[in-house]
Amino acid sequence: MKYLLMIYGNQEKWNSLPAEQWPEVIARQEAFNARYRETGELLGAYGLADAEAATLVRRGKDGAPAVTDGPYLETKEYMASFYLLDCENEERARRIAADMPLADTDPVELWPILHESPANGAGLADA
């Protein structure tokens, strides 16, 4: 079963980390990524740009995209990165989430993925 791990943060939080700590933080995250890529459970890990780079897109009356500054937030923290897992069960996904390097100080949100639309469109009738 597939799971989405989400990490939240904000620029203020990351700016508060001393510059000399960043190499260790990045190394720990890369080790986590490598460990679970090797088991085949980590399908992808994606870091998002700062919230200032986000935009909101709606469909205008003419069908064209209507874009405004984003993101659509009412909170100080926002989704900063996400990880796509494929695990045998939820307990395994929870163990991987708890192994996230900063999980001792920052929560990791875990969501089961209930439906998937393959990129090639195959299997849509089975969803």
Protein backbone atom coordinates (compact mmCIF):
# COMPACT_ATOMS: atom_id res chain seq x y z
CA MET A 1 0.00 0.00 0.00
CA LYS A 2 1.18 3.51 -0.72
CA TYR A 3 1.54 6.26 1.88
CA LEU A 4 2.32 9.95 1.79
CA LEU A 5 4.62 11.40 4.46
CA MET A 6 4.39 15.17 4.84
CA ILE A 7 6.83 17.45 6.61
CA TYR A 8 5.77 20.94 7.66
CA GLY A 9 7.88 24.01 8.35
CA ASN A 10 8.49 27.61 7.37
CA GLN A 11 11.35 29.82 6.31
CA GLU A 12 11.69 31.36 9.77
CA LYS A 13 12.25 27.91 11.28
CA TRP A 14 14.91 26.98 8.72
CA ASN A 15 16.64 30.34 9.07
CA SER A 16 16.90 29.72 12.82
CA LEU A 17 19.17 26.70 12.27
CA PRO A 18 22.83 27.65 12.55
CA ALA A 19 24.62 27.41 9.20
CA GLU A 20 27.09 24.87 10.60
CA GLN A 21 24.17 22.49 11.36
CA TRP A 22 22.89 22.31 7.79
CA PRO A 23 25.47 19.79 6.48
CA GLU A 24 24.53 17.36 9.29
CA VAL A 25 20.79 17.85 8.73
CA ILE A 26 21.17 17.25 5.00
CA ALA A 27 23.43 14.22 5.52
CA ARG A 28 20.93 12.64 7.92
CA GLN A 29 18.10 13.20 5.45
CA GLU A 30 20.10 11.79 2.54
CA ALA A 31 20.96 8.71 4.65
CA PHE A 32 17.24 8.23 5.39
CA ASN A 33 16.41 8.58 1.68
CA ALA A 34 19.14 6.11 0.64
CA ARG A 35 18.12 3.55 3.29
CA TYR A 36 14.50 3.39 2.14
CA ARG A 37 15.29 3.66 -1.58
CA GLU A 38 17.42 0.54 -1.13
CA THR A 39 14.52 -1.36 0.45
CA GLY A 40 12.27 -0.22 -2.41
CA GLU A 41 9.86 1.46 0.02
CA LEU A 42 10.76 5.07 -0.84
CA LEU A 43 9.33 5.85 -4.26
CA GLY A 44 10.16 9.55 -4.18
CA ALA A 45 11.19 12.42 -1.91
CA TYR A 46 10.32 15.98 -2.89
CA GLY A 47 11.30 19.26 -1.25
CA LEU A 48 9.05 22.19 -2.04
CA ALA A 49 10.01 25.81 -2.64
CA ASP A 50 9.31 28.46 -0.01
CA ALA A 51 5.68 29.55 0.34
CA GLU A 52 6.49 32.85 -1.37
CA ALA A 53 6.97 30.91 -4.62
CA ALA A 54 3.55 29.23 -4.47
CA THR A 55 0.61 30.39 -6.56
CA LEU A 56 -3.09 29.73 -6.44
CA VAL A 57 -4.67 28.60 -9.69
CA ARG A 58 -8.37 28.62 -10.38
CA ARG A 59 -10.22 28.13 -13.63
CA GLY A 60 -11.55 31.41 -14.95
CA LYS A 61 -14.91 31.77 -16.63
CA ASP A 62 -13.20 31.49 -20.00
CA GLY A 63 -11.55 28.22 -18.92
CA ALA A 64 -8.08 29.77 -18.73
CA PRO A 65 -6.03 29.60 -15.53
CA ALA A 66 -6.61 32.51 -13.16
CA VAL A 67 -3.43 32.81 -11.09
CA THR A 68 -2.94 34.74 -7.86
CA ASP A 69 -0.20 34.84 -5.26
CA GLY A 70 -0.37 31.85 -2.98
CA PRO A 71 -0.30 29.69 -1.15
CA TYR A 72 -3.75 29.02 0.21
CA LEU A 73 -2.64 29.11 3.83
CA GLU A 74 -4.17 30.16 7.08
CA THR A 75 -1.31 28.85 9.15
CA LYS A 76 2.28 29.85 9.82
CA GLU A 77 3.69 26.49 8.76
CA TYR A 78 3.10 24.82 5.41
CA MET A 79 3.93 21.57 3.67
CA ALA A 80 7.64 21.81 2.97
CA SER A 81 8.37 18.35 1.60
CA PHE A 82 6.68 15.07 0.95
CA TYR A 83 7.70 11.45 0.52
CA LEU A 84 5.90 8.70 -1.34
CA LEU A 85 6.21 5.25 0.23
CA ASP A 86 5.11 1.79 -0.83
CA CYS A 87 4.95 -0.42 2.27
CA GLU A 88 3.51 -3.78 3.17
CA ASN A 89 1.25 -2.26 5.85
CA GLU A 90 0.52 0.83 7.92
CA GLU A 91 2.68 -0.29 10.84
CA ARG A 92 5.71 -0.36 8.53
CA ALA A 93 4.83 3.10 7.19
CA ARG A 94 4.61 4.39 10.78
CA ARG A 95 8.04 2.96 11.57
CA ILE A 96 9.53 4.68 8.54
CA ALA A 97 7.80 7.96 9.47
CA ALA A 98 9.23 7.69 13.00
CA ASP A 99 12.69 7.14 11.48
CA MET A 100 12.52 10.51 9.68
CA PRO A 101 15.60 12.40 10.97
CA LEU A 102 13.69 15.29 12.56
CA ALA A 103 10.72 13.24 13.79
CA ASP A 104 11.95 13.62 17.37
CA THR A 105 11.25 17.37 17.22
CA ASP A 106 8.81 17.80 14.31
CA PRO A 107 5.77 15.68 13.56
CA VAL A 108 5.53 13.74 10.32
CA GLU A 109 2.04 13.48 8.88
CA LEU A 110 1.21 10.06 7.43
CA TRP A 111 -1.64 9.59 4.96
CA PRO A 112 -2.69 6.31 3.34
CA ILE A 113 -3.22 6.73 -0.41
CA LEU A 114 -6.57 5.22 -1.28
CA HIS A 115 -6.69 5.78 -5.04
CA GLU A 116 -4.02 6.01 -7.68
CA SER A 117 -4.31 7.04 -11.29
CA PRO A 118 -1.31 5.63 -13.15
CA ALA A 119 0.53 8.05 -15.40
CA ASN A 120 -0.31 5.97 -18.47
CA GLY A 121 -4.02 5.84 -17.59
CA ALA A 122 -4.07 2.04 -17.28
CA GLY A 123 -6.20 0.72 -14.49
CA LEU A 124 -8.51 3.73 -14.18
CA ALA A 125 -11.59 1.53 -14.50
CA ASP A 126 -10.42 -0.48 -11.49
CA ALA A 127 -10.15 2.55 -9.17
